[in-house]
């Protein structure tokens, strides 16, 4: 369930967005093509642009704008190169989010450009994230939602436009407060309609329309 703050793609509200498979598509147009030399500031700038153009601009998540415009999204770029090292960053960010005042930090995007670029490996790591939340006794308090440049839902082809609801410029983990999720759900009479509307939006946009988003 990934609705508060940023997500609201197919993975969240529909209940049917199982992650499965691996996309061989080229990198997203929303990501600068500068390889490993890109700075953390540039990575955050690209992520902000993606949020503004796609998540908020296309209204893929009706809950995202207020949190983002209010400055309550924490952006943290991990420099780690291994999954085990990333796990330590995840632990720290989970603790930091738990301790933070929600009025100052509602949610966290843990961006990890240099590890888990392979979607199958990333998908497997999500189980580690869930286990870590349980280990830290944060179940019912925090959760992790998922975005990846090669995101692919079960039952889709790698180039299906529906996958782009959860395709971000870099691999990232979205850390959410359960209380925020519950409030967001309570405010929406039919959460499944968000899922259906997002499919209509992406299909209407098409691949050509998606590419046009990033031309300016």
N, C-alpha and C. Protein backbone atom coordinates (compact mmCIF):
# COMPACT_ATOMS: atom_id res chain seq x y z
N UNK A 1 0.86 -1.19 0.00
CA UNK A 1 0.00 0.00 0.00
C UNK A 1 0.88 1.22 0.00
N UNK A 2 0.93 1.96 -1.10
CA UNK A 2 1.87 3.07 -1.20
C UNK A 2 1.14 4.29 -1.72
N UNK A 3 0.49 4.99 -0.82
CA UNK A 3 -0.36 6.06 -1.27
C UNK A 3 -0.01 7.42 -0.70
N UNK A 4 0.56 7.49 0.47
CA UNK A 4 0.79 8.79 1.08
C UNK A 4 2.11 9.35 0.61
N UNK A 5 2.12 10.61 0.25
CA UNK A 5 3.38 11.25 -0.08
C UNK A 5 3.72 11.22 -1.54
N UNK A 6 3.99 10.05 -2.10
CA UNK A 6 4.51 10.04 -3.46
C UNK A 6 3.83 9.03 -4.38
N UNK A 7 3.57 7.83 -3.96
CA UNK A 7 3.35 6.75 -4.92
C UNK A 7 2.01 6.78 -5.63
N UNK A 8 1.05 5.99 -5.19
CA UNK A 8 -0.27 5.87 -5.79
C UNK A 8 -0.23 5.35 -7.21
N UNK A 9 0.78 4.60 -7.57
CA UNK A 9 0.79 3.94 -8.85
C UNK A 9 0.05 2.63 -8.77
N UNK A 10 0.23 1.78 -9.76
CA UNK A 10 -0.47 0.51 -9.79
C UNK A 10 -0.08 -0.34 -8.59
N UNK A 11 1.13 -0.17 -8.08
CA UNK A 11 1.61 -1.00 -6.98
C UNK A 11 0.85 -0.79 -5.68
N UNK A 12 0.18 0.34 -5.54
CA UNK A 12 -0.35 0.66 -4.24
C UNK A 12 -1.79 0.28 -4.02
N UNK A 13 -2.69 1.02 -4.62
CA UNK A 13 -4.07 0.97 -4.19
C UNK A 13 -4.87 -0.15 -4.81
N UNK A 14 -4.41 -0.70 -5.91
CA UNK A 14 -5.25 -1.64 -6.63
C UNK A 14 -5.33 -2.98 -5.95
N UNK A 15 -4.29 -3.37 -5.22
CA UNK A 15 -4.25 -4.70 -4.64
C UNK A 15 -3.86 -5.75 -5.64
N UNK A 16 -3.66 -5.37 -6.90
CA UNK A 16 -3.34 -6.36 -7.91
C UNK A 16 -2.03 -6.11 -8.60
N UNK A 17 -1.18 -5.25 -8.04
CA UNK A 17 0.04 -4.86 -8.72
C UNK A 17 1.23 -5.66 -8.28
N UNK A 18 1.21 -6.95 -8.46
CA UNK A 18 2.34 -7.78 -8.06
C UNK A 18 3.54 -7.45 -8.91
N UNK A 19 4.71 -7.36 -8.27
CA UNK A 19 5.94 -7.09 -8.99
C UNK A 19 6.51 -8.39 -9.49
N UNK A 20 6.83 -8.42 -10.76
CA UNK A 20 7.40 -9.64 -11.31
C UNK A 20 7.98 -9.34 -12.66
N UNK A 21 9.13 -9.95 -12.95
CA UNK A 21 9.68 -9.82 -14.29
C UNK A 21 10.80 -8.81 -14.35
N UNK A 22 11.38 -8.66 -15.53
CA UNK A 22 12.51 -7.76 -15.72
C UNK A 22 12.39 -7.08 -17.06
N UNK A 23 12.49 -5.78 -17.04
CA UNK A 23 12.39 -5.01 -18.27
C UNK A 23 13.76 -4.79 -18.88
N UNK A 24 13.86 -5.00 -20.17
CA UNK A 24 15.11 -4.74 -20.88
C UNK A 24 15.07 -3.41 -21.60
N UNK A 25 14.11 -2.56 -21.25
CA UNK A 25 13.99 -1.26 -21.89
C UNK A 25 15.19 -0.38 -21.55
N UNK A 26 15.45 0.58 -22.40
CA UNK A 26 16.51 1.54 -22.12
C UNK A 26 16.11 2.43 -20.96
N UNK A 27 17.08 3.20 -20.46
CA UNK A 27 16.81 4.06 -19.32
C UNK A 27 15.73 5.08 -19.61
N UNK A 28 15.10 5.59 -18.57
CA UNK A 28 14.03 6.54 -18.72
C UNK A 28 14.55 7.87 -19.25
N UNK A 29 13.68 8.55 -19.99
CA UNK A 29 14.05 9.86 -20.50
C UNK A 29 14.20 10.89 -19.39
N UNK A 30 13.60 10.61 -18.21
CA UNK A 30 13.68 11.57 -17.11
C UNK A 30 14.99 11.48 -16.36
N UNK A 31 15.87 10.55 -16.71
CA UNK A 31 17.14 10.40 -16.01
C UNK A 31 18.29 10.94 -16.85
N UNK A 32 19.12 11.82 -16.30
CA UNK A 32 20.29 12.30 -17.04
C UNK A 32 21.22 11.14 -17.39
N UNK A 33 21.77 11.16 -18.57
CA UNK A 33 22.65 10.07 -19.00
C UNK A 33 24.10 10.48 -18.83
N UNK A 34 24.56 10.44 -17.58
CA UNK A 34 25.93 10.86 -17.30
C UNK A 34 26.73 9.80 -16.56
N UNK A 35 26.16 8.61 -16.42
CA UNK A 35 26.89 7.53 -15.79
C UNK A 35 27.18 7.79 -14.34
N UNK A 36 28.24 7.15 -13.84
CA UNK A 36 28.53 7.20 -12.41
C UNK A 36 29.10 8.53 -11.96
N UNK A 37 29.43 9.44 -12.91
CA UNK A 37 30.04 10.70 -12.54
C UNK A 37 29.01 11.71 -12.05
N UNK A 38 27.75 11.42 -12.17
CA UNK A 38 26.71 12.36 -11.77
C UNK A 38 26.75 12.60 -10.27
N UNK A 39 26.47 13.83 -9.86
CA UNK A 39 26.54 14.17 -8.44
C UNK A 39 25.22 13.85 -7.74
N UNK A 40 25.27 13.82 -6.42
CA UNK A 40 24.05 13.57 -5.65
C UNK A 40 23.05 14.69 -5.84
N UNK A 41 23.52 15.93 -5.96
CA UNK A 41 22.60 17.04 -6.19
C UNK A 41 21.87 16.88 -7.52
N UNK A 42 22.58 16.42 -8.53
CA UNK A 42 21.95 16.20 -9.83
C UNK A 42 20.95 15.06 -9.78
N UNK A 43 21.25 14.04 -8.99
CA UNK A 43 20.33 12.92 -8.83
C UNK A 43 19.04 13.38 -8.16
N UNK A 44 19.16 14.19 -7.13
CA UNK A 44 17.97 14.71 -6.45
C UNK A 44 17.19 15.63 -7.38
N UNK A 45 17.89 16.44 -8.17
CA UNK A 45 17.21 17.33 -9.11
C UNK A 45 16.41 16.53 -10.13
N UNK A 46 16.99 15.45 -10.64
CA UNK A 46 16.28 14.60 -11.59
C UNK A 46 15.07 13.94 -10.95
N UNK A 47 15.22 13.55 -9.69
CA UNK A 47 14.11 12.92 -8.98
C UNK A 47 12.99 13.93 -8.74
N UNK A 48 13.34 15.15 -8.37
CA UNK A 48 12.33 16.19 -8.20
C UNK A 48 11.60 16.46 -9.52
N UNK A 49 12.35 16.50 -10.60
CA UNK A 49 11.74 16.76 -11.91
C UNK A 49 10.76 15.65 -12.26
N UNK A 50 11.14 14.41 -11.97
CA UNK A 50 10.24 13.27 -12.21
C UNK A 50 8.97 13.40 -11.38
N UNK A 51 9.11 13.75 -10.11
CA UNK A 51 7.94 13.93 -9.27
C UNK A 51 7.02 15.02 -9.83
N UNK A 52 7.61 16.14 -10.21
CA UNK A 52 6.82 17.27 -10.66
C UNK A 52 6.16 17.01 -12.01
N UNK A 53 6.87 16.34 -12.91
CA UNK A 53 6.35 16.10 -14.25
C UNK A 53 5.41 14.90 -14.32
N UNK A 54 5.74 13.85 -13.58
CA UNK A 54 5.01 12.60 -13.70
C UNK A 54 4.05 12.37 -12.54
N UNK A 55 4.57 12.15 -11.36
CA UNK A 55 3.73 11.79 -10.21
C UNK A 55 2.70 12.87 -9.90
N UNK A 56 3.18 14.13 -9.86
CA UNK A 56 2.28 15.24 -9.59
C UNK A 56 1.67 15.78 -10.87
N UNK A 57 2.49 15.97 -11.88
CA UNK A 57 2.02 16.56 -13.14
C UNK A 57 0.92 15.77 -13.81
N UNK A 58 1.03 14.45 -13.77
CA UNK A 58 0.00 13.58 -14.34
C UNK A 58 -1.04 13.17 -13.32
N UNK A 59 -0.89 13.67 -12.09
CA UNK A 59 -1.81 13.35 -10.99
C UNK A 59 -1.90 11.85 -10.74
N UNK A 60 -0.77 11.16 -10.85
CA UNK A 60 -0.75 9.73 -10.58
C UNK A 60 -1.00 9.45 -9.11
N UNK A 61 -0.64 10.42 -8.26
CA UNK A 61 -0.93 10.30 -6.83
C UNK A 61 -1.55 11.60 -6.35
N UNK A 62 -2.84 11.61 -6.06
CA UNK A 62 -3.49 12.85 -5.62
C UNK A 62 -3.05 13.33 -4.25
N UNK A 63 -2.29 12.49 -3.51
CA UNK A 63 -1.83 12.87 -2.17
C UNK A 63 -0.42 13.45 -2.19
N UNK A 64 0.24 13.43 -3.34
CA UNK A 64 1.66 13.75 -3.37
C UNK A 64 1.95 15.24 -3.30
N UNK A 65 1.15 16.05 -3.96
CA UNK A 65 1.53 17.45 -4.14
C UNK A 65 1.64 18.20 -2.83
N UNK A 66 0.68 18.05 -1.94
CA UNK A 66 0.70 18.81 -0.69
C UNK A 66 1.93 18.48 0.14
N UNK A 67 2.29 17.20 0.19
CA UNK A 67 3.47 16.79 0.96
C UNK A 67 4.74 17.32 0.31
N UNK A 68 4.81 17.23 -1.01
CA UNK A 68 6.00 17.68 -1.72
C UNK A 68 6.15 19.20 -1.65
N UNK A 69 5.07 19.93 -1.97
CA UNK A 69 5.13 21.40 -1.95
C UNK A 69 5.37 21.92 -0.53
N UNK A 70 4.94 21.14 0.46
CA UNK A 70 5.15 21.55 1.84
C UNK A 70 6.54 21.26 2.37
N UNK A 71 7.40 20.69 1.51
CA UNK A 71 8.78 20.42 1.91
C UNK A 71 8.92 19.30 2.92
N UNK A 72 7.98 18.35 2.92
CA UNK A 72 7.99 17.28 3.91
C UNK A 72 8.48 15.96 3.34
N UNK A 73 9.16 16.02 2.19
CA UNK A 73 9.78 14.83 1.61
C UNK A 73 11.28 14.92 1.82
N UNK A 74 11.85 13.91 2.44
CA UNK A 74 13.30 13.84 2.61
C UNK A 74 13.88 13.07 1.43
N UNK A 75 14.88 13.64 0.77
CA UNK A 75 15.60 12.98 -0.32
C UNK A 75 16.97 12.58 0.19
N UNK A 76 17.26 11.30 0.19
CA UNK A 76 18.58 10.83 0.61
C UNK A 76 19.16 9.95 -0.49
N UNK A 77 20.32 10.32 -1.00
CA UNK A 77 21.00 9.53 -2.03
C UNK A 77 22.06 8.66 -1.37
N UNK A 78 21.89 7.37 -1.50
CA UNK A 78 22.87 6.43 -0.95
C UNK A 78 24.02 6.27 -1.93
N UNK A 79 25.22 6.31 -1.40
CA UNK A 79 26.40 6.07 -2.23
C UNK A 79 26.85 4.63 -2.24
N UNK A 80 26.06 3.74 -1.64
CA UNK A 80 26.47 2.35 -1.49
C UNK A 80 26.49 1.62 -2.82
N UNK A 81 27.38 0.60 -2.86
CA UNK A 81 27.54 -0.21 -4.07
C UNK A 81 27.12 -1.67 -3.86
N UNK A 82 26.72 -2.03 -2.66
CA UNK A 82 26.30 -3.41 -2.39
C UNK A 82 24.96 -3.39 -1.66
N UNK A 83 24.22 -4.48 -1.81
CA UNK A 83 22.92 -4.58 -1.16
C UNK A 83 23.06 -4.58 0.36
N UNK A 84 24.09 -5.23 0.86
CA UNK A 84 24.26 -5.28 2.32
C UNK A 84 24.53 -3.90 2.89
N UNK A 85 25.31 -3.09 2.18
CA UNK A 85 25.58 -1.73 2.64
C UNK A 85 24.33 -0.86 2.52
N UNK A 86 23.56 -1.07 1.45
CA UNK A 86 22.30 -0.34 1.29
C UNK A 86 21.34 -0.66 2.43
N UNK A 87 21.35 -1.91 2.87
CA UNK A 87 20.48 -2.31 3.97
C UNK A 87 20.79 -1.50 5.23
N UNK A 88 22.06 -1.20 5.47
CA UNK A 88 22.41 -0.39 6.63
C UNK A 88 21.88 1.04 6.46
N UNK A 89 21.95 1.56 5.24
CA UNK A 89 21.36 2.89 4.99
C UNK A 89 19.86 2.84 5.23
N UNK A 90 19.21 1.77 4.80
CA UNK A 90 17.77 1.64 5.01
C UNK A 90 17.45 1.64 6.49
N UNK A 91 18.20 0.91 7.26
CA UNK A 91 17.97 0.88 8.71
C UNK A 91 18.05 2.29 9.31
N UNK A 92 19.08 3.02 8.91
CA UNK A 92 19.26 4.37 9.45
C UNK A 92 18.11 5.29 9.04
N UNK A 93 17.68 5.17 7.79
CA UNK A 93 16.61 6.04 7.31
C UNK A 93 15.27 5.68 7.95
N UNK A 94 15.04 4.40 8.20
CA UNK A 94 13.81 4.00 8.90
C UNK A 94 13.79 4.58 10.32
N UNK A 95 14.91 4.48 11.01
CA UNK A 95 14.99 5.05 12.36
C UNK A 95 14.81 6.57 12.31
N UNK A 96 15.42 7.21 11.32
CA UNK A 96 15.33 8.66 11.22
C UNK A 96 13.90 9.11 10.95
N UNK A 97 13.20 8.40 10.07
CA UNK A 97 11.82 8.75 9.77
C UNK A 97 10.93 8.54 10.99
N UNK A 98 11.16 7.45 11.70
CA UNK A 98 10.37 7.19 12.89
C UNK A 98 10.54 8.30 13.91
N UNK A 99 11.75 8.81 14.05
CA UNK A 99 12.04 9.81 15.07
C UNK A 99 11.65 11.22 14.65
N UNK A 100 11.47 11.45 13.35
CA UNK A 100 11.21 12.80 12.85
C UNK A 100 9.78 13.24 13.14
N UNK A 101 9.62 14.54 13.26
CA UNK A 101 8.29 15.15 13.39
C UNK A 101 7.61 15.07 12.03
N UNK A 102 6.43 14.44 11.92
CA UNK A 102 5.75 14.34 10.63
C UNK A 102 5.47 15.69 9.99
N UNK A 103 5.34 16.73 10.80
CA UNK A 103 5.11 18.06 10.26
C UNK A 103 6.33 18.58 9.52
N UNK A 104 7.50 18.01 9.81
CA UNK A 104 8.74 18.39 9.15
C UNK A 104 9.17 17.37 8.10
N UNK A 105 8.95 16.09 8.38
CA UNK A 105 9.34 15.02 7.45
C UNK A 105 8.25 13.96 7.44
N UNK A 106 7.45 13.99 6.40
CA UNK A 106 6.33 13.06 6.28
C UNK A 106 6.77 11.72 5.70
N UNK A 107 7.75 11.76 4.80
CA UNK A 107 8.12 10.57 4.05
C UNK A 107 9.55 10.72 3.53
N UNK A 108 10.17 9.61 3.16
CA UNK A 108 11.56 9.62 2.71
C UNK A 108 11.70 8.87 1.40
N UNK A 109 12.47 9.43 0.48
CA UNK A 109 12.89 8.72 -0.72
C UNK A 109 14.37 8.37 -0.57
N UNK A 110 14.64 7.09 -0.43
CA UNK A 110 16.01 6.59 -0.34
C UNK A 110 16.42 6.16 -1.74
N UNK A 111 17.21 7.00 -2.39
CA UNK A 111 17.60 6.80 -3.79
C UNK A 111 18.95 6.10 -3.81
N UNK A 112 19.06 5.02 -4.59
CA UNK A 112 20.32 4.24 -4.60
C UNK A 112 20.74 3.93 -6.04
N UNK A 113 21.36 4.89 -6.71
CA UNK A 113 21.68 4.75 -8.13
C UNK A 113 22.71 3.69 -8.46
N UNK A 114 23.57 3.33 -7.48
CA UNK A 114 24.71 2.48 -7.80
C UNK A 114 24.58 1.04 -7.29
N UNK A 115 23.38 0.67 -6.89
CA UNK A 115 23.17 -0.70 -6.45
C UNK A 115 21.73 -1.09 -6.78
N UNK A 116 21.54 -2.38 -7.11
CA UNK A 116 20.23 -2.95 -7.46
C UNK A 116 19.66 -2.33 -8.73
N UNK A 117 20.51 -2.11 -9.70
CA UNK A 117 20.04 -1.63 -11.00
C UNK A 117 19.26 -2.71 -11.74
N UNK A 118 19.56 -3.96 -11.46
CA UNK A 118 18.81 -5.09 -12.03
C UNK A 118 17.48 -5.20 -11.28
N UNK A 119 16.38 -5.17 -12.02
CA UNK A 119 15.07 -5.15 -11.36
C UNK A 119 14.78 -6.45 -10.61
N UNK A 120 15.23 -7.58 -11.11
CA UNK A 120 15.00 -8.84 -10.40
C UNK A 120 15.69 -8.80 -9.03
N UNK A 121 16.92 -8.33 -8.99
CA UNK A 121 17.62 -8.21 -7.71
C UNK A 121 16.94 -7.20 -6.80
N UNK A 122 16.51 -6.10 -7.38
CA UNK A 122 15.78 -5.08 -6.61
C UNK A 122 14.49 -5.68 -6.03
N UNK A 123 13.76 -6.39 -6.86
CA UNK A 123 12.50 -6.99 -6.44
C UNK A 123 12.72 -7.96 -5.27
N UNK A 124 13.78 -8.73 -5.35
CA UNK A 124 14.11 -9.66 -4.25
C UNK A 124 14.46 -8.88 -2.98
N UNK A 125 15.11 -7.74 -3.14
CA UNK A 125 15.52 -6.95 -1.98
C UNK A 125 14.31 -6.39 -1.23
N UNK A 126 13.20 -6.23 -1.89
CA UNK A 126 12.01 -5.71 -1.22
C UNK A 126 11.55 -6.65 -0.09
N UNK A 127 11.78 -7.94 -0.26
CA UNK A 127 11.48 -8.87 0.83
C UNK A 127 12.40 -8.64 2.03
N UNK A 128 13.63 -8.29 1.75
CA UNK A 128 14.57 -7.94 2.82
C UNK A 128 14.10 -6.68 3.54
N UNK A 129 13.57 -5.73 2.79
CA UNK A 129 13.04 -4.50 3.40
C UNK A 129 11.91 -4.83 4.37
N UNK A 130 10.98 -5.68 3.93
CA UNK A 130 9.86 -6.05 4.79
C UNK A 130 10.35 -6.77 6.05
N UNK A 131 11.32 -7.65 5.88
CA UNK A 131 11.86 -8.38 7.02
C UNK A 131 12.57 -7.43 7.99
N UNK A 132 13.22 -6.41 7.45
CA UNK A 132 13.92 -5.44 8.29
C UNK A 132 12.93 -4.62 9.11
N UNK A 133 11.84 -4.23 8.50
CA UNK A 133 10.80 -3.50 9.24
C UNK A 133 10.28 -4.35 10.39
N UNK A 134 10.08 -5.64 10.14
CA UNK A 134 9.63 -6.54 11.21
C UNK A 134 10.69 -6.67 12.29
N UNK A 135 11.94 -6.81 11.88
CA UNK A 135 13.04 -6.96 12.84
C UNK A 135 13.17 -5.74 13.74
N UNK A 136 12.94 -4.56 13.15
CA UNK A 136 13.06 -3.31 13.91
C UNK A 136 11.78 -2.99 14.69
N UNK A 137 10.81 -3.89 14.62
CA UNK A 137 9.53 -3.73 15.31
C UNK A 137 8.82 -2.45 14.86
N UNK A 138 8.84 -2.23 13.55
CA UNK A 138 8.20 -1.06 12.96
C UNK A 138 6.97 -1.43 12.14
N UNK A 139 6.56 -2.68 12.19
CA UNK A 139 5.35 -3.08 11.48
C UNK A 139 4.16 -2.32 12.04
N UNK A 140 3.30 -1.85 11.16
CA UNK A 140 2.18 -1.04 11.59
C UNK A 140 2.52 0.42 11.77
N UNK A 141 3.80 0.74 11.65
CA UNK A 141 4.25 2.13 11.79
C UNK A 141 4.86 2.67 10.51
N UNK A 142 5.75 1.87 9.88
CA UNK A 142 6.38 2.28 8.63
C UNK A 142 6.26 1.16 7.60
N UNK A 143 6.36 1.54 6.33
CA UNK A 143 6.37 0.56 5.25
C UNK A 143 7.23 1.08 4.11
N UNK A 144 7.56 0.19 3.17
CA UNK A 144 8.41 0.55 2.03
C UNK A 144 7.66 0.31 0.74
N UNK A 145 7.59 1.33 -0.10
CA UNK A 145 7.05 1.21 -1.45
C UNK A 145 8.20 1.28 -2.44
N UNK A 146 7.93 0.95 -3.70
CA UNK A 146 9.03 0.69 -4.63
C UNK A 146 8.88 1.44 -5.95
N UNK A 147 10.03 1.98 -6.42
CA UNK A 147 10.14 2.62 -7.73
C UNK A 147 11.48 2.21 -8.35
N UNK A 148 11.48 2.01 -9.66
CA UNK A 148 12.70 1.54 -10.32
C UNK A 148 12.63 1.92 -11.81
N UNK A 149 13.76 2.23 -12.43
CA UNK A 149 13.74 2.58 -13.86
C UNK A 149 13.24 1.46 -14.76
N UNK A 150 13.32 0.22 -14.30
CA UNK A 150 12.92 -0.93 -15.12
C UNK A 150 11.74 -1.68 -14.49
N UNK A 151 10.93 -0.95 -13.77
CA UNK A 151 9.80 -1.57 -13.06
C UNK A 151 8.89 -2.31 -14.03
N UNK A 152 8.45 -3.48 -13.60
CA UNK A 152 7.53 -4.28 -14.42
C UNK A 152 6.58 -5.05 -13.52
N UNK A 153 5.28 -4.89 -13.79
CA UNK A 153 4.26 -5.59 -13.02
C UNK A 153 3.99 -6.96 -13.60
N UNK A 154 3.55 -7.87 -12.75
CA UNK A 154 3.18 -9.21 -13.20
C UNK A 154 2.09 -9.11 -14.25
N UNK A 155 2.21 -9.94 -15.27
CA UNK A 155 1.19 -9.98 -16.32
C UNK A 155 1.35 -8.92 -17.37
N UNK A 156 2.45 -8.16 -17.34
CA UNK A 156 2.69 -7.13 -18.35
C UNK A 156 3.93 -7.48 -19.17
N UNK A 157 4.01 -6.86 -20.34
CA UNK A 157 5.23 -6.91 -21.14
C UNK A 157 6.14 -5.77 -20.71
N UNK A 158 7.42 -5.92 -20.96
CA UNK A 158 8.39 -4.95 -20.45
C UNK A 158 8.13 -3.54 -20.95
N UNK A 159 7.59 -3.40 -22.17
CA UNK A 159 7.38 -2.07 -22.72
C UNK A 159 5.95 -1.57 -22.55
N UNK A 160 5.12 -2.26 -21.77
CA UNK A 160 3.76 -1.78 -21.54
C UNK A 160 3.79 -0.46 -20.79
N UNK A 161 3.02 0.51 -21.26
CA UNK A 161 3.06 1.85 -20.68
C UNK A 161 2.59 1.86 -19.23
N UNK A 162 1.76 0.91 -18.83
CA UNK A 162 1.28 0.87 -17.44
C UNK A 162 2.42 0.78 -16.43
N UNK A 163 3.53 0.16 -16.82
CA UNK A 163 4.67 0.02 -15.91
C UNK A 163 5.27 1.37 -15.52
N UNK A 164 5.00 2.41 -16.31
CA UNK A 164 5.65 3.68 -16.09
C UNK A 164 5.09 4.43 -14.88
N UNK A 165 3.99 3.96 -14.29
CA UNK A 165 3.54 4.59 -13.05
C UNK A 165 4.58 4.46 -11.96
N UNK A 166 5.38 3.40 -12.02
CA UNK A 166 6.37 3.15 -10.97
C UNK A 166 7.80 3.18 -11.50
N UNK A 167 8.00 3.74 -12.68
CA UNK A 167 9.35 3.87 -13.22
C UNK A 167 9.92 5.24 -12.90
N UNK A 168 10.98 5.21 -12.14
CA UNK A 168 11.63 6.43 -11.66
C UNK A 168 12.98 6.59 -12.35
N UNK A 169 13.60 7.76 -12.26
CA UNK A 169 14.90 7.94 -12.93
C UNK A 169 16.01 7.08 -12.35
N UNK A 170 15.90 6.72 -11.07
CA UNK A 170 16.89 5.87 -10.40
C UNK A 170 16.16 4.89 -9.49
N UNK A 171 16.79 3.76 -9.16
CA UNK A 171 16.18 2.86 -8.17
C UNK A 171 16.01 3.60 -6.85
N UNK A 172 14.88 3.39 -6.21
CA UNK A 172 14.65 4.05 -4.92
C UNK A 172 13.65 3.27 -4.09
N UNK A 173 13.74 3.50 -2.78
CA UNK A 173 12.81 2.94 -1.81
C UNK A 173 12.06 4.10 -1.17
N UNK A 174 10.76 4.00 -1.17
CA UNK A 174 9.92 5.06 -0.61
C UNK A 174 9.45 4.63 0.77
N UNK A 175 9.93 5.32 1.79
CA UNK A 175 9.59 4.99 3.17
C UNK A 175 8.38 5.81 3.59
N UNK A 176 7.35 5.12 4.06
CA UNK A 176 6.07 5.73 4.36
C UNK A 176 5.65 5.49 5.79
N UNK A 177 4.90 6.43 6.31
CA UNK A 177 4.28 6.25 7.62
C UNK A 177 2.90 5.59 7.43
N UNK A 178 2.63 4.53 8.18
CA UNK A 178 1.34 3.85 8.08
C UNK A 178 0.20 4.81 8.40
N UNK A 179 0.38 5.69 9.37
CA UNK A 179 -0.69 6.62 9.73
C UNK A 179 -1.03 7.54 8.57
N UNK A 180 -0.03 7.94 7.80
CA UNK A 180 -0.27 8.78 6.63
C UNK A 180 -1.05 8.01 5.57
N UNK A 181 -0.68 6.75 5.39
CA UNK A 181 -1.38 5.90 4.42
C UNK A 181 -2.85 5.77 4.80
N UNK A 182 -3.10 5.51 6.08
CA UNK A 182 -4.48 5.31 6.53
C UNK A 182 -5.31 6.57 6.37
N UNK A 183 -4.71 7.73 6.64
CA UNK A 183 -5.44 8.99 6.46
C UNK A 183 -5.75 9.23 4.99
N UNK A 184 -4.80 8.91 4.13
CA UNK A 184 -5.01 9.11 2.70
C UNK A 184 -6.13 8.21 2.18
N UNK A 185 -6.13 6.96 2.61
CA UNK A 185 -7.16 6.03 2.17
C UNK A 185 -8.54 6.49 2.65
N UNK A 186 -8.60 6.96 3.88
CA UNK A 186 -9.88 7.39 4.44
C UNK A 186 -10.46 8.57 3.68
N UNK A 187 -9.60 9.35 3.04
CA UNK A 187 -10.06 10.55 2.34
C UNK A 187 -10.55 10.26 0.92
N UNK A 188 -10.39 9.02 0.46
CA UNK A 188 -10.75 8.67 -0.92
C UNK A 188 -11.88 7.64 -0.90
N UNK A 189 -13.04 7.97 -1.46
CA UNK A 189 -14.16 7.03 -1.44
C UNK A 189 -13.86 5.71 -2.16
N UNK A 190 -13.14 5.78 -3.27
CA UNK A 190 -12.87 4.58 -4.07
C UNK A 190 -11.40 4.60 -4.49
N UNK A 191 -10.55 3.96 -3.70
CA UNK A 191 -9.12 3.97 -4.02
C UNK A 191 -8.82 3.21 -5.31
N UNK A 192 -9.63 2.23 -5.67
CA UNK A 192 -9.40 1.51 -6.91
C UNK A 192 -9.53 2.42 -8.13
N UNK A 193 -10.29 3.51 -7.99
CA UNK A 193 -10.46 4.43 -9.11
C UNK A 193 -9.14 5.13 -9.44
N UNK A 194 -8.29 5.33 -8.44
CA UNK A 194 -6.98 5.92 -8.72
C UNK A 194 -6.19 5.00 -9.64
N UNK A 195 -6.23 3.74 -9.35
CA UNK A 195 -5.55 2.73 -10.18
C UNK A 195 -6.10 2.76 -11.60
N UNK A 196 -7.43 2.75 -11.73
CA UNK A 196 -8.04 2.72 -13.06
C UNK A 196 -7.74 4.00 -13.83
N UNK A 197 -7.80 5.14 -13.13
CA UNK A 197 -7.53 6.42 -13.78
C UNK A 197 -6.08 6.49 -14.25
N UNK A 198 -5.15 5.98 -13.45
CA UNK A 198 -3.75 6.02 -13.84
C UNK A 198 -3.50 5.19 -15.10
N UNK A 199 -4.16 4.06 -15.21
CA UNK A 199 -4.02 3.26 -16.42
C UNK A 199 -4.54 4.04 -17.62
N UNK A 200 -5.70 4.69 -17.45
CA UNK A 200 -6.25 5.48 -18.56
C UNK A 200 -5.31 6.62 -18.93
N UNK A 201 -4.74 7.27 -17.92
CA UNK A 201 -3.82 8.39 -18.17
C UNK A 201 -2.60 7.94 -18.95
N UNK A 202 -1.98 6.86 -18.51
CA UNK A 202 -0.75 6.38 -19.18
C UNK A 202 -1.05 5.86 -20.58
N UNK A 203 -2.15 5.16 -20.74
CA UNK A 203 -2.49 4.66 -22.07
C UNK A 203 -2.82 5.80 -23.01
N UNK A 204 -3.49 6.83 -22.50
CA UNK A 204 -3.79 7.99 -23.33
C UNK A 204 -2.53 8.75 -23.71
N UNK A 205 -1.57 8.78 -22.81
CA UNK A 205 -0.31 9.47 -23.05
C UNK A 205 0.54 8.71 -24.06
N UNK A 206 0.66 7.41 -23.85
CA UNK A 206 1.49 6.59 -24.73
C UNK A 206 2.97 6.86 -24.56
N UNK A 207 3.77 6.06 -25.21
CA UNK A 207 5.22 6.22 -25.09
C UNK A 207 5.70 7.56 -25.67
N UNK A 208 5.09 7.97 -26.77
CA UNK A 208 5.50 9.25 -27.37
C UNK A 208 5.18 10.40 -26.44
N UNK A 209 4.02 10.36 -25.81
CA UNK A 209 3.66 11.40 -24.88
C UNK A 209 4.55 11.42 -23.65
N UNK A 210 4.91 10.22 -23.18
CA UNK A 210 5.83 10.14 -22.04
C UNK A 210 7.17 10.79 -22.39
N UNK A 211 7.68 10.51 -23.57
CA UNK A 211 8.96 11.09 -23.98
C UNK A 211 8.88 12.61 -24.09
N UNK A 212 7.72 13.12 -24.53
CA UNK A 212 7.57 14.57 -24.65
C UNK A 212 7.63 15.27 -23.30
N UNK A 213 7.28 14.58 -22.23
CA UNK A 213 7.33 15.20 -20.90
C UNK A 213 8.72 15.70 -20.55
N UNK A 214 9.74 15.08 -21.10
CA UNK A 214 11.12 15.34 -20.66
C UNK A 214 11.91 16.14 -21.68
N UNK A 215 11.26 16.74 -22.64
CA UNK A 215 11.98 17.44 -23.70
C UNK A 215 12.32 18.89 -23.37
N UNK A 216 11.66 19.47 -22.36
CA UNK A 216 11.98 20.85 -22.03
C UNK A 216 12.96 20.93 -20.87
